Protein backbone atom coordinates (compact mmCIF):
# COMPACT_ATOMS: atom_id res chain seq x y z
CA MET A 1 -29.10 -7.08 -29.43
CA LEU A 2 -31.79 -4.84 -26.98
CA PRO A 3 -30.80 -2.10 -26.27
CA ALA A 4 -30.14 -1.75 -21.86
CA PRO A 5 -33.56 -0.15 -20.32
CA SER A 6 -33.09 2.90 -19.20
CA CYS A 7 -33.59 4.40 -15.41
CA GLU A 8 -33.44 8.18 -14.73
CA GLU A 9 -33.22 7.32 -10.98
CA LEU A 10 -29.90 5.39 -11.48
CA GLU A 11 -28.32 8.30 -13.96
CA LYS A 12 -28.79 11.02 -11.25
CA LEU A 13 -27.11 8.77 -8.80
CA ARG A 14 -24.43 7.82 -10.72
CA LEU A 15 -24.25 11.32 -11.20
CA ASN A 16 -25.12 12.40 -7.31
CA ALA A 17 -21.78 10.32 -6.64
CA PHE A 18 -19.86 11.72 -10.05
CA CYS A 19 -20.23 14.86 -7.82
CA VAL A 20 -19.52 14.02 -4.79
CA PHE A 21 -16.04 12.02 -5.53
CA ARG A 22 -14.92 14.84 -7.75
CA GLU A 23 -16.20 17.50 -4.93
CA VAL A 24 -14.28 15.32 -2.29
CA LYS A 25 -10.61 15.18 -4.34
CA GLU A 26 -10.71 18.93 -5.36
CA ILE A 27 -11.22 20.05 -1.35
CA ARG A 28 -8.32 17.22 -0.83
CA ARG A 29 -6.04 18.35 -4.00
CA SER A 30 -6.95 22.35 -2.55
CA ARG A 31 -6.04 21.95 1.03
CA ASP A 32 -4.97 20.38 4.14
CA LEU A 33 -7.59 18.49 5.99
CA ASN A 34 -7.84 17.96 9.73
CA PHE A 35 -8.90 14.64 10.98
CA PHE A 36 -12.94 15.67 11.39
CA GLU A 37 -13.27 17.46 8.19
CA ASP A 38 -11.03 14.49 6.02
CA ALA A 39 -14.07 12.36 8.10
CA ASP A 40 -16.84 14.34 7.28
CA LEU A 41 -15.46 13.85 3.07
CA ASN A 42 -15.38 10.15 3.77
CA GLY A 43 -18.62 10.09 5.00
CA GLU A 44 -20.34 12.21 2.31
CA LYS A 45 -18.09 9.99 -0.68
CA GLN A 46 -19.59 6.25 0.96
CA GLU A 47 -23.17 7.49 1.78
CA SER A 48 -23.93 8.59 -2.16
CA LEU A 49 -22.17 5.12 -2.23
CA THR A 50 -24.66 2.99 -0.23
CA VAL A 51 -28.04 4.97 -1.91
CA LEU A 52 -26.40 4.00 -5.28
CA VAL A 53 -25.72 0.12 -4.47
CA LYS A 54 -29.13 -0.41 -2.47
CA HIS A 55 -30.58 0.90 -6.19
CA LEU A 56 -29.09 -1.29 -8.01
CA LEU A 57 -29.85 -3.98 -5.51
CA ALA A 58 -33.25 -3.60 -4.82
CA ASP A 59 -34.95 -0.86 -5.03
CA HIS A 60 -37.04 -1.32 -8.00
CA ASN A 61 -40.20 -3.52 -5.73
CA GLY A 62 -37.92 -5.34 -4.48
CA HIS A 63 -35.83 -6.34 -7.15
CA ARG A 64 -32.56 -5.16 -8.74
CA CYS A 65 -32.52 -1.95 -11.16
CA PRO A 66 -32.76 -3.38 -14.56
CA ALA A 67 -30.56 -1.11 -16.17
CA GLY A 68 -27.78 -1.84 -14.04
CA PRO A 69 -24.48 -3.84 -15.88
CA LYS A 70 -25.35 -7.19 -14.87
CA PRO A 71 -27.45 -9.23 -11.73
CA ILE A 72 -24.96 -8.20 -8.49
CA VAL A 73 -25.30 -10.44 -6.29
CA THR A 74 -27.49 -14.04 -7.75
CA ALA A 75 -28.41 -17.34 -6.02
CA VAL A 76 -25.77 -19.87 -6.18
CA LYS A 77 -25.86 -23.33 -4.72
CA PRO A 78 -23.58 -23.65 -1.91
CA ARG A 79 -20.75 -25.91 -2.68
CA ARG A 80 -20.50 -29.49 -1.06
CA ARG A 81 -17.51 -29.64 1.50
CA THR A 82 -16.03 -32.77 1.11
CA PRO A 83 -14.18 -33.46 5.05
CA THR A 84 -10.76 -32.82 5.44
CA ARG A 85 -8.35 -36.06 6.70
CA LEU A 86 -6.18 -35.20 9.60
CA LEU A 87 -2.33 -36.26 8.59
CA TRP A 88 -0.46 -36.87 10.94
CA LEU A 89 3.52 -37.20 10.85
């Protein structure tokens, strides 16, 4: 079995996302947050995830990251739909 190719940028993004999640969790456990503080924390968490997913999908010259666990999006033929019958009672 071949070793998976490594990507330094992917590892940095994963580490950053993990650190953001851990920091948000610690802040939420340590004190009561108001609505706006919680929204800011969610925004930080969402942004770290968005950057990670963008890298996995198309950050290597428009192709997926080779160090990703598996292809996230694959080309699949759409299934042909058969017409449904209407049943009259």
